[in-house]
Each structure stands twice: as structure tokens, then as C-alpha cells.
N, C-alpha and C. Protein backbone atom coordinates (compact mmCIF):
# COMPACT_ATOMS: atom_id res chain seq x y z
N UNK A 1 -15.99 -2.18 -20.19
CA UNK A 1 -15.00 -1.30 -19.59
C UNK A 1 -14.76 -1.71 -18.14
N UNK A 2 -13.50 -1.73 -17.74
CA UNK A 2 -13.15 -2.11 -16.38
C UNK A 2 -13.47 -0.99 -15.40
N UNK A 3 -13.89 -1.39 -14.23
CA UNK A 3 -14.08 -0.43 -13.15
C UNK A 3 -12.71 0.12 -12.78
N UNK A 4 -12.65 1.39 -12.42
CA UNK A 4 -11.39 2.09 -12.16
C UNK A 4 -10.46 1.31 -11.24
N UNK A 5 -10.95 0.78 -10.15
CA UNK A 5 -10.09 0.16 -9.16
C UNK A 5 -9.92 -1.35 -9.32
N UNK A 6 -10.38 -1.94 -10.36
CA UNK A 6 -10.33 -3.39 -10.49
C UNK A 6 -8.91 -3.92 -10.34
N UNK A 7 -7.95 -3.33 -11.04
CA UNK A 7 -6.58 -3.84 -10.98
C UNK A 7 -6.01 -3.70 -9.58
N UNK A 8 -6.16 -2.55 -8.96
CA UNK A 8 -5.65 -2.35 -7.61
C UNK A 8 -6.35 -3.31 -6.65
N UNK A 9 -7.66 -3.50 -6.78
CA UNK A 9 -8.37 -4.45 -5.92
C UNK A 9 -7.79 -5.86 -6.06
N UNK A 10 -7.47 -6.25 -7.28
CA UNK A 10 -6.89 -7.57 -7.52
C UNK A 10 -5.52 -7.68 -6.86
N UNK A 11 -4.72 -6.65 -6.97
CA UNK A 11 -3.40 -6.65 -6.36
C UNK A 11 -3.52 -6.74 -4.84
N UNK A 12 -4.39 -5.92 -4.26
CA UNK A 12 -4.58 -5.96 -2.81
C UNK A 12 -5.05 -7.33 -2.36
N UNK A 13 -5.79 -8.03 -3.19
CA UNK A 13 -6.30 -9.35 -2.86
C UNK A 13 -5.21 -10.40 -2.72
N UNK A 14 -3.99 -10.09 -3.19
CA UNK A 14 -2.89 -11.05 -3.08
C UNK A 14 -2.16 -10.95 -1.74
N UNK A 15 -2.45 -9.93 -0.95
CA UNK A 15 -1.79 -9.75 0.35
C UNK A 15 -2.49 -10.55 1.42
N UNK A 16 -1.70 -10.98 2.42
CA UNK A 16 -2.32 -11.74 3.50
C UNK A 16 -3.21 -10.82 4.33
N UNK A 17 -4.23 -11.37 4.97
CA UNK A 17 -5.19 -10.57 5.72
C UNK A 17 -4.56 -9.69 6.81
N UNK A 18 -3.53 -10.19 7.49
CA UNK A 18 -2.90 -9.40 8.56
C UNK A 18 -2.27 -8.12 8.00
N UNK A 19 -1.65 -8.21 6.84
CA UNK A 19 -1.05 -7.04 6.20
C UNK A 19 -2.13 -6.05 5.81
N UNK A 20 -3.22 -6.54 5.27
CA UNK A 20 -4.31 -5.65 4.86
C UNK A 20 -4.96 -4.98 6.07
N UNK A 21 -5.11 -5.71 7.16
CA UNK A 21 -5.69 -5.12 8.38
C UNK A 21 -4.78 -4.02 8.90
N UNK A 22 -3.48 -4.29 8.96
CA UNK A 22 -2.54 -3.28 9.44
C UNK A 22 -2.56 -2.06 8.54
N UNK A 23 -2.58 -2.26 7.24
CA UNK A 23 -2.64 -1.15 6.29
C UNK A 23 -3.91 -0.33 6.45
N UNK A 24 -5.02 -1.01 6.64
CA UNK A 24 -6.31 -0.31 6.83
C UNK A 24 -6.28 0.49 8.13
N UNK A 25 -5.70 -0.08 9.18
CA UNK A 25 -5.59 0.66 10.45
C UNK A 25 -4.73 1.91 10.28
N UNK A 26 -3.61 1.78 9.57
CA UNK A 26 -2.77 2.95 9.31
C UNK A 26 -3.55 4.01 8.54
N UNK A 27 -4.28 3.59 7.52
CA UNK A 27 -5.06 4.54 6.71
C UNK A 27 -6.14 5.20 7.57
N UNK A 28 -6.85 4.41 8.35
CA UNK A 28 -7.91 4.96 9.21
C UNK A 28 -7.37 5.94 10.23
N UNK A 29 -6.11 5.74 10.66
CA UNK A 29 -5.47 6.63 11.62
C UNK A 29 -4.86 7.87 10.97
N UNK A 30 -4.99 7.99 9.64
CA UNK A 30 -4.43 9.14 8.93
C UNK A 30 -2.93 9.05 8.73
N UNK A 31 -2.38 7.85 8.77
CA UNK A 31 -0.94 7.66 8.64
C UNK A 31 -0.51 7.34 7.21
N UNK A 32 -1.44 7.39 6.26
CA UNK A 32 -1.14 7.11 4.86
C UNK A 32 -1.51 8.33 4.03
N UNK A 33 -0.54 8.82 3.24
CA UNK A 33 -0.79 9.92 2.32
C UNK A 33 -0.54 9.39 0.91
N UNK A 34 -1.60 9.30 0.10
CA UNK A 34 -1.47 8.82 -1.28
C UNK A 34 -0.98 9.97 -2.14
N UNK A 35 0.17 9.77 -2.79
CA UNK A 35 0.77 10.79 -3.64
C UNK A 35 0.36 10.64 -5.09
N UNK A 36 0.11 9.42 -5.53
CA UNK A 36 -0.28 9.16 -6.92
C UNK A 36 -1.11 7.89 -6.95
N UNK A 37 -2.10 7.90 -7.84
CA UNK A 37 -2.97 6.73 -7.96
C UNK A 37 -3.56 6.71 -9.35
N UNK A 38 -3.50 5.54 -9.96
CA UNK A 38 -4.24 5.32 -11.20
C UNK A 38 -4.68 3.87 -11.22
N UNK A 39 -5.15 3.40 -12.33
CA UNK A 39 -5.73 2.05 -12.39
C UNK A 39 -4.72 0.95 -12.08
N UNK A 40 -3.42 1.22 -12.25
CA UNK A 40 -2.44 0.16 -12.11
C UNK A 40 -1.41 0.38 -11.00
N UNK A 41 -1.44 1.51 -10.32
CA UNK A 41 -0.42 1.76 -9.30
C UNK A 41 -0.93 2.75 -8.24
N UNK A 42 -0.45 2.54 -7.02
CA UNK A 42 -0.68 3.48 -5.92
C UNK A 42 0.68 3.78 -5.32
N UNK A 43 0.98 5.07 -5.15
CA UNK A 43 2.21 5.50 -4.47
C UNK A 43 1.81 6.30 -3.25
N UNK A 44 2.42 5.97 -2.11
CA UNK A 44 2.04 6.64 -0.86
C UNK A 44 3.23 6.78 0.07
N UNK A 45 3.06 7.65 1.04
CA UNK A 45 4.00 7.76 2.15
C UNK A 45 3.24 7.29 3.39
N UNK A 46 3.86 6.41 4.16
CA UNK A 46 3.21 5.81 5.32
C UNK A 46 4.06 6.07 6.56
N UNK A 47 3.40 6.56 7.60
CA UNK A 47 4.07 6.70 8.90
C UNK A 47 3.81 5.43 9.69
N UNK A 48 4.82 4.63 9.85
CA UNK A 48 4.71 3.40 10.63
C UNK A 48 4.97 3.68 12.09
N UNK A 49 5.48 2.67 12.79
CA UNK A 49 5.74 2.83 14.21
C UNK A 49 7.05 3.57 14.49
N UNK A 50 7.93 3.66 13.49
CA UNK A 50 9.20 4.36 13.66
C UNK A 50 9.08 5.84 13.37
N UNK A 51 10.19 6.54 13.50
CA UNK A 51 10.21 7.99 13.32
C UNK A 51 10.23 8.41 11.84
N UNK A 52 10.73 7.54 10.97
CA UNK A 52 10.88 7.88 9.56
C UNK A 52 9.72 7.34 8.74
N UNK A 53 9.05 8.20 7.96
CA UNK A 53 7.98 7.70 7.09
C UNK A 53 8.56 6.84 5.95
N UNK A 54 7.73 5.97 5.41
CA UNK A 54 8.15 5.04 4.37
C UNK A 54 7.47 5.34 3.05
N UNK A 55 8.25 5.17 1.97
CA UNK A 55 7.70 5.29 0.62
C UNK A 55 7.21 3.92 0.18
N UNK A 56 5.95 3.86 -0.26
CA UNK A 56 5.34 2.60 -0.65
C UNK A 56 4.78 2.73 -2.06
N UNK A 57 5.07 1.76 -2.90
CA UNK A 57 4.50 1.68 -4.24
C UNK A 57 3.91 0.29 -4.41
N UNK A 58 2.65 0.22 -4.84
CA UNK A 58 1.97 -1.05 -5.08
C UNK A 58 1.34 -0.96 -6.46
N UNK A 59 1.63 -1.94 -7.31
CA UNK A 59 1.06 -1.90 -8.64
C UNK A 59 1.30 -3.17 -9.43
N UNK A 60 0.89 -3.13 -10.69
CA UNK A 60 1.02 -4.29 -11.57
C UNK A 60 2.47 -4.72 -11.76
N UNK A 61 3.39 -3.77 -11.70
CA UNK A 61 4.81 -4.06 -11.92
C UNK A 61 5.47 -4.62 -10.66
N UNK A 62 4.72 -4.71 -9.57
CA UNK A 62 5.27 -5.20 -8.32
C UNK A 62 5.09 -4.16 -7.23
N UNK A 63 5.77 -4.37 -6.14
CA UNK A 63 5.65 -3.43 -5.05
C UNK A 63 7.02 -3.14 -4.47
N UNK A 64 7.11 -1.99 -3.82
CA UNK A 64 8.34 -1.63 -3.14
C UNK A 64 8.00 -0.82 -1.90
N UNK A 65 8.85 -0.95 -0.91
CA UNK A 65 8.68 -0.22 0.33
C UNK A 65 10.03 -0.20 1.03
N UNK A 66 10.40 0.94 1.56
CA UNK A 66 11.66 1.00 2.29
C UNK A 66 11.44 0.77 3.79
N UNK A 67 10.35 0.08 4.14
CA UNK A 67 10.04 -0.21 5.54
C UNK A 67 10.67 -1.54 5.95
N UNK A 68 10.97 -1.71 7.25
CA UNK A 68 11.58 -2.95 7.71
C UNK A 68 10.70 -4.18 7.49
N UNK A 69 9.39 -4.03 7.57
CA UNK A 69 8.48 -5.18 7.42
C UNK A 69 8.44 -5.71 5.99
N UNK A 70 8.79 -4.91 5.02
CA UNK A 70 8.66 -5.31 3.62
C UNK A 70 9.47 -6.56 3.31
N UNK A 71 10.67 -6.65 3.82
CA UNK A 71 11.52 -7.81 3.54
C UNK A 71 11.06 -9.07 4.27
N UNK A 72 10.28 -8.92 5.33
CA UNK A 72 9.80 -10.07 6.09
C UNK A 72 8.58 -10.72 5.46
N UNK A 73 7.80 -9.96 4.67
CA UNK A 73 6.54 -10.49 4.16
C UNK A 73 6.68 -11.11 2.80
């Protein structure tokens, strides 16, 4: 049986270290609110440096984010 977070851990492992560090800093600062999570997807709202929070989805089907940095990475 797979450990609950194995799939998400694998997905996170595909991101560059700078993105993961920034995401961890946002989470540690309380700027990430996870709305839904299961073995294959995480949905959250993230307060970045701008005034408008961003909707973020990361999962097996891909990822989406309405943040300006998403298109650059």
C-alpha cells in the first residue's frame, strides 16, 4: 500500500528548489490555506506579494495557478 503523500511528494520533487523554498516560506508565514487535499491533488489559496490571493492546484493531472509567476516557471 502506498503512503498517503507519495504521489504529492513525487510531484513536488519535479519543481526547482527555488520554487519549493518560496512555497515553504509562504506556508511557514501562514500565507497558504489548503482547501482540498488527497493522494493525487492539493488545492490551495496563496497570498503572494500582491494584494490578490491566488488559486493554486497541484496534482497528477498537472498544475494551475492564476499567479504572475506561474507562466514564468
